Amino acid sequence: MFAQTPVPPYYAVIFTSQRTAGDDGYADMAANMVALAQQQPGFLGVESVRGADGVGITVSYWESEEAIAAWRMHAEHSVARAQGRQSWYGQFSVRVAKVERAYGRPSVAQ
């Protein structure tokens, strides 16, 4: 599903990862983190995909850099990040970008 973002500017946090084998609680934690992020001030939405090869990209959208920093420091998110480094990700990168323009094509009902 596409995130319903406001008119720019806003920020995107782009998390690209390569999963390790096995679930080891990953699916539950990922669902919990999305639910928790949705409760955070400044959260605008999220889009996420993962290929059969384990490579995934999650983009979360935020009103400000301050909102991103607060999410990064959230205690439960910190635990999830540590678990990810230890068990779930063989490789990952995080990129933060300011969205200055956004456009697209709305969904066409079939």
N, C-alpha and C. Protein backbone atom coordinates (compact mmCIF):
# COMPACT_ATOMS: atom_id res chain seq x y z
N MET A 1 0.84 -1.18 0.00
CA MET A 1 0.00 0.00 0.00
C MET A 1 0.89 1.24 0.00
N PHE A 2 0.44 2.25 -0.69
CA PHE A 2 1.16 3.51 -0.74
C PHE A 2 0.83 4.36 0.49
N ALA A 3 1.85 4.99 1.04
CA ALA A 3 1.64 5.91 2.16
C ALA A 3 0.93 7.16 1.65
N GLN A 4 0.04 7.67 2.45
CA GLN A 4 -0.67 8.90 2.12
C GLN A 4 0.08 10.07 2.76
N THR A 5 0.99 10.65 2.02
CA THR A 5 1.84 11.71 2.55
C THR A 5 1.26 13.08 2.20
N PRO A 6 1.63 14.10 2.99
CA PRO A 6 1.15 15.45 2.72
C PRO A 6 1.95 16.10 1.59
N VAL A 7 1.59 17.31 1.28
CA VAL A 7 2.36 18.11 0.33
C VAL A 7 3.74 18.34 0.94
N PRO A 8 4.81 18.16 0.16
CA PRO A 8 6.16 18.38 0.69
C PRO A 8 6.35 19.83 1.14
N PRO A 9 7.35 20.05 1.98
CA PRO A 9 8.45 19.15 2.34
C PRO A 9 8.11 18.25 3.53
N TYR A 10 8.74 17.09 3.54
CA TYR A 10 8.75 16.15 4.66
C TYR A 10 9.98 15.28 4.47
N TYR A 11 10.18 14.30 5.32
CA TYR A 11 11.40 13.50 5.29
C TYR A 11 11.09 12.03 5.06
N ALA A 12 12.03 11.35 4.43
CA ALA A 12 11.94 9.91 4.20
C ALA A 12 13.16 9.24 4.82
N VAL A 13 12.91 8.17 5.58
CA VAL A 13 13.98 7.33 6.09
C VAL A 13 13.92 6.04 5.29
N ILE A 14 14.98 5.76 4.56
CA ILE A 14 15.04 4.62 3.65
C ILE A 14 15.93 3.56 4.28
N PHE A 15 15.33 2.43 4.63
CA PHE A 15 16.04 1.33 5.29
C PHE A 15 16.11 0.16 4.32
N THR A 16 17.31 -0.15 3.85
CA THR A 16 17.54 -1.26 2.93
C THR A 16 18.26 -2.34 3.71
N SER A 17 17.79 -3.59 3.57
CA SER A 17 18.38 -4.66 4.37
C SER A 17 18.43 -5.98 3.62
N GLN A 18 19.35 -6.82 4.08
CA GLN A 18 19.45 -8.20 3.62
C GLN A 18 19.18 -9.07 4.85
N ARG A 19 18.07 -9.79 4.83
CA ARG A 19 17.69 -10.65 5.96
C ARG A 19 18.58 -11.88 6.04
N THR A 20 18.76 -12.35 7.26
CA THR A 20 19.41 -13.63 7.50
C THR A 20 18.35 -14.72 7.40
N ALA A 21 18.77 -15.97 7.40
CA ALA A 21 17.82 -17.10 7.30
C ALA A 21 17.02 -17.24 8.60
N GLY A 22 15.79 -17.70 8.47
CA GLY A 22 14.94 -17.94 9.64
C GLY A 22 14.23 -16.69 10.10
N ASP A 23 13.14 -16.88 10.83
CA ASP A 23 12.34 -15.75 11.32
C ASP A 23 12.84 -15.25 12.66
N ASP A 24 13.03 -16.15 13.62
CA ASP A 24 13.54 -15.79 14.96
C ASP A 24 12.82 -14.60 15.57
N GLY A 25 11.50 -14.51 15.36
CA GLY A 25 10.72 -13.42 15.94
C GLY A 25 10.66 -12.16 15.10
N TYR A 26 11.26 -12.19 13.92
CA TYR A 26 11.33 -11.00 13.08
C TYR A 26 9.96 -10.47 12.68
N ALA A 27 9.09 -11.34 12.19
CA ALA A 27 7.78 -10.90 11.69
C ALA A 27 6.98 -10.19 12.77
N ASP A 28 6.98 -10.75 13.98
CA ASP A 28 6.25 -10.12 15.08
C ASP A 28 6.85 -8.76 15.44
N MET A 29 8.17 -8.70 15.50
CA MET A 29 8.82 -7.43 15.85
C MET A 29 8.56 -6.39 14.77
N ALA A 30 8.65 -6.78 13.51
CA ALA A 30 8.40 -5.83 12.41
C ALA A 30 6.99 -5.26 12.50
N ALA A 31 6.00 -6.12 12.75
CA ALA A 31 4.62 -5.65 12.88
C ALA A 31 4.47 -4.73 14.09
N ASN A 32 5.12 -5.08 15.19
CA ASN A 32 5.06 -4.23 16.39
C ASN A 32 5.70 -2.87 16.14
N MET A 33 6.80 -2.84 15.40
CA MET A 33 7.48 -1.57 15.14
C MET A 33 6.63 -0.66 14.25
N VAL A 34 5.95 -1.22 13.26
CA VAL A 34 5.07 -0.40 12.42
C VAL A 34 3.94 0.17 13.26
N ALA A 35 3.33 -0.67 14.10
CA ALA A 35 2.23 -0.20 14.96
C ALA A 35 2.72 0.89 15.92
N LEU A 36 3.91 0.71 16.47
CA LEU A 36 4.46 1.70 17.39
C LEU A 36 4.82 3.00 16.67
N ALA A 37 5.43 2.88 15.50
CA ALA A 37 5.79 4.07 14.73
C ALA A 37 4.54 4.90 14.40
N GLN A 38 3.45 4.23 14.09
CA GLN A 38 2.20 4.92 13.74
C GLN A 38 1.68 5.78 14.88
N GLN A 39 2.10 5.49 16.10
CA GLN A 39 1.68 6.25 17.28
C GLN A 39 2.58 7.44 17.59
N GLN A 40 3.71 7.55 16.88
CA GLN A 40 4.70 8.57 17.20
C GLN A 40 4.35 9.91 16.57
N PRO A 41 4.56 11.00 17.33
CA PRO A 41 4.35 12.33 16.75
C PRO A 41 5.24 12.51 15.52
N GLY A 42 4.65 13.04 14.46
CA GLY A 42 5.41 13.32 13.25
C GLY A 42 5.46 12.19 12.24
N PHE A 43 4.95 11.01 12.60
CA PHE A 43 4.93 9.89 11.65
C PHE A 43 3.87 10.15 10.59
N LEU A 44 4.24 9.92 9.31
CA LEU A 44 3.31 10.19 8.21
C LEU A 44 2.87 8.93 7.47
N GLY A 45 3.69 7.89 7.48
CA GLY A 45 3.33 6.67 6.76
C GLY A 45 4.54 5.81 6.50
N VAL A 46 4.28 4.62 5.93
CA VAL A 46 5.36 3.68 5.66
C VAL A 46 5.01 2.84 4.44
N GLU A 47 6.04 2.47 3.68
CA GLU A 47 5.91 1.56 2.55
C GLU A 47 7.05 0.55 2.67
N SER A 48 6.75 -0.74 2.44
CA SER A 48 7.77 -1.75 2.64
C SER A 48 7.59 -2.91 1.66
N VAL A 49 8.71 -3.40 1.13
CA VAL A 49 8.71 -4.57 0.25
C VAL A 49 9.92 -5.43 0.59
N ARG A 50 9.79 -6.74 0.35
CA ARG A 50 10.91 -7.66 0.52
C ARG A 50 10.85 -8.70 -0.58
N GLY A 51 11.97 -8.92 -1.24
CA GLY A 51 12.06 -9.89 -2.31
C GLY A 51 12.32 -11.29 -1.78
N ALA A 52 12.15 -12.28 -2.64
CA ALA A 52 12.40 -13.67 -2.29
C ALA A 52 13.86 -13.90 -1.89
N ASP A 53 14.75 -13.03 -2.34
CA ASP A 53 16.18 -13.15 -2.00
C ASP A 53 16.51 -12.57 -0.63
N GLY A 54 15.50 -12.04 0.07
CA GLY A 54 15.72 -11.49 1.40
C GLY A 54 16.05 -10.02 1.44
N VAL A 55 16.23 -9.39 0.29
CA VAL A 55 16.52 -7.95 0.25
C VAL A 55 15.20 -7.19 0.41
N GLY A 56 15.20 -6.24 1.33
CA GLY A 56 14.00 -5.46 1.57
C GLY A 56 14.29 -3.98 1.62
N ILE A 57 13.27 -3.20 1.32
CA ILE A 57 13.36 -1.75 1.42
C ILE A 57 12.11 -1.27 2.15
N THR A 58 12.32 -0.53 3.22
CA THR A 58 11.23 0.09 3.95
C THR A 58 11.49 1.59 3.97
N VAL A 59 10.49 2.35 3.58
CA VAL A 59 10.59 3.81 3.61
C VAL A 59 9.54 4.32 4.58
N SER A 60 10.00 4.99 5.62
CA SER A 60 9.06 5.64 6.54
C SER A 60 9.14 7.14 6.31
N TYR A 61 8.01 7.79 6.45
CA TYR A 61 7.89 9.23 6.17
C TYR A 61 7.59 9.97 7.46
N TRP A 62 8.25 11.11 7.62
CA TRP A 62 8.18 11.88 8.86
C TRP A 62 8.07 13.37 8.57
N GLU A 63 7.43 14.08 9.50
CA GLU A 63 7.26 15.54 9.35
C GLU A 63 8.57 16.30 9.48
N SER A 64 9.50 15.80 10.30
CA SER A 64 10.69 16.59 10.60
C SER A 64 11.86 15.69 10.99
N GLU A 65 13.04 16.27 10.98
CA GLU A 65 14.22 15.55 11.46
C GLU A 65 14.12 15.28 12.96
N GLU A 66 13.45 16.17 13.69
CA GLU A 66 13.26 15.97 15.13
C GLU A 66 12.39 14.73 15.40
N ALA A 67 11.36 14.54 14.59
CA ALA A 67 10.50 13.36 14.74
C ALA A 67 11.29 12.08 14.45
N ILE A 68 12.15 12.13 13.44
CA ILE A 68 13.00 10.98 13.11
C ILE A 68 13.93 10.67 14.28
N ALA A 69 14.55 11.70 14.84
CA ALA A 69 15.47 11.51 15.96
C ALA A 69 14.75 10.93 17.18
N ALA A 70 13.55 11.40 17.45
CA ALA A 70 12.78 10.88 18.58
C ALA A 70 12.45 9.40 18.37
N TRP A 71 12.09 9.03 17.15
CA TRP A 71 11.80 7.62 16.85
C TRP A 71 13.05 6.78 17.02
N ARG A 72 14.17 7.27 16.55
CA ARG A 72 15.42 6.53 16.67
C ARG A 72 15.77 6.27 18.13
N MET A 73 15.45 7.20 19.01
CA MET A 73 15.78 7.07 20.43
C MET A 73 14.71 6.35 21.24
N HIS A 74 13.57 6.05 20.65
CA HIS A 74 12.50 5.36 21.37
C HIS A 74 13.02 4.03 21.92
N ALA A 75 12.75 3.75 23.17
CA ALA A 75 13.33 2.58 23.85
C ALA A 75 13.02 1.27 23.13
N GLU A 76 11.76 1.04 22.75
CA GLU A 76 11.41 -0.22 22.09
C GLU A 76 12.05 -0.32 20.70
N HIS A 77 12.13 0.80 20.00
CA HIS A 77 12.78 0.81 18.69
C HIS A 77 14.28 0.52 18.85
N SER A 78 14.89 1.03 19.90
CA SER A 78 16.30 0.76 20.16
C SER A 78 16.55 -0.73 20.38
N VAL A 79 15.66 -1.39 21.11
CA VAL A 79 15.77 -2.84 21.32
C VAL A 79 15.65 -3.58 19.98
N ALA A 80 14.69 -3.18 19.15
CA ALA A 80 14.51 -3.82 17.84
C ALA A 80 15.73 -3.62 16.96
N ARG A 81 16.31 -2.42 16.97
CA ARG A 81 17.51 -2.16 16.17
C ARG A 81 18.66 -3.05 16.61
N ALA A 82 18.85 -3.19 17.92
CA ALA A 82 19.92 -4.04 18.43
C ALA A 82 19.71 -5.49 18.02
N GLN A 83 18.47 -5.97 18.13
CA GLN A 83 18.16 -7.34 17.72
C GLN A 83 18.40 -7.52 16.22
N GLY A 84 18.09 -6.52 15.44
CA GLY A 84 18.32 -6.57 14.01
C GLY A 84 19.79 -6.71 13.68
N ARG A 85 20.61 -5.91 14.33
CA ARG A 85 22.07 -6.00 14.11
C ARG A 85 22.61 -7.36 14.53
N GLN A 86 22.08 -7.90 15.61
CA GLN A 86 22.58 -9.16 16.16
C GLN A 86 22.08 -10.38 15.39
N SER A 87 20.80 -10.38 14.97
CA SER A 87 20.20 -11.61 14.46
C SER A 87 19.57 -11.55 13.08
N TRP A 88 18.96 -10.44 12.71
CA TRP A 88 18.07 -10.45 11.56
C TRP A 88 18.68 -9.93 10.26
N TYR A 89 19.70 -9.12 10.34
CA TYR A 89 20.24 -8.50 9.13
C TYR A 89 21.70 -8.86 8.91
N GLY A 90 22.00 -9.41 7.75
CA GLY A 90 23.37 -9.64 7.36
C GLY A 90 24.03 -8.34 6.92
N GLN A 91 23.22 -7.46 6.37
CA GLN A 91 23.69 -6.16 5.88
C GLN A 91 22.51 -5.21 5.89
N PHE A 92 22.77 -3.93 6.17
CA PHE A 92 21.70 -2.92 6.07
C PHE A 92 22.31 -1.55 5.87
N SER A 93 21.48 -0.64 5.39
CA SER A 93 21.86 0.77 5.31
C SER A 93 20.63 1.62 5.60
N VAL A 94 20.88 2.78 6.17
CA VAL A 94 19.82 3.75 6.46
C VAL A 94 20.21 5.06 5.78
N ARG A 95 19.24 5.61 5.06
CA ARG A 95 19.44 6.90 4.40
C ARG A 95 18.28 7.81 4.79
N VAL A 96 18.58 9.06 5.04
CA VAL A 96 17.55 10.04 5.39
C VAL A 96 17.57 11.11 4.31
N ALA A 97 16.39 11.40 3.77
CA ALA A 97 16.30 12.37 2.68
C ALA A 97 15.14 13.33 2.93
N LYS A 98 15.31 14.55 2.49
CA LYS A 98 14.23 15.53 2.52
C LYS A 98 13.48 15.44 1.20
N VAL A 99 12.18 15.22 1.28
CA VAL A 99 11.34 15.16 0.08
C VAL A 99 10.90 16.59 -0.23
N GLU A 100 11.30 17.07 -1.39
CA GLU A 100 10.97 18.44 -1.78
C GLU A 100 9.88 18.49 -2.84
N ARG A 101 9.75 17.40 -3.61
CA ARG A 101 8.70 17.29 -4.62
C ARG A 101 8.13 15.88 -4.56
N ALA A 102 6.85 15.75 -4.84
CA ALA A 102 6.22 14.43 -4.89
C ALA A 102 5.06 14.51 -5.89
N TYR A 103 4.97 13.51 -6.74
CA TYR A 103 3.88 13.45 -7.69
C TYR A 103 3.66 12.00 -8.08
N GLY A 104 2.56 11.72 -8.70
CA GLY A 104 2.27 10.34 -9.10
C GLY A 104 0.91 10.24 -9.78
N ARG A 105 0.48 9.02 -9.90
CA ARG A 105 -0.81 8.73 -10.52
C ARG A 105 -1.68 8.06 -9.48
N PRO A 106 -2.86 8.59 -9.20
CA PRO A 106 -3.74 7.96 -8.23
C PRO A 106 -4.23 6.61 -8.74
N SER A 107 -4.63 5.78 -7.80
CA SER A 107 -5.15 4.46 -8.12
C SER A 107 -6.39 4.58 -8.99
N VAL A 108 -6.49 3.69 -9.98
CA VAL A 108 -7.66 3.66 -10.85
C VAL A 108 -8.48 2.43 -10.46
N ALA A 109 -9.72 2.64 -10.07
CA ALA A 109 -10.60 1.53 -9.67
C ALA A 109 -10.82 0.62 -10.88
N GLN A 110 -10.75 -0.67 -10.66
CA GLN A 110 -10.92 -1.66 -11.72
C GLN A 110 -12.39 -2.03 -11.85
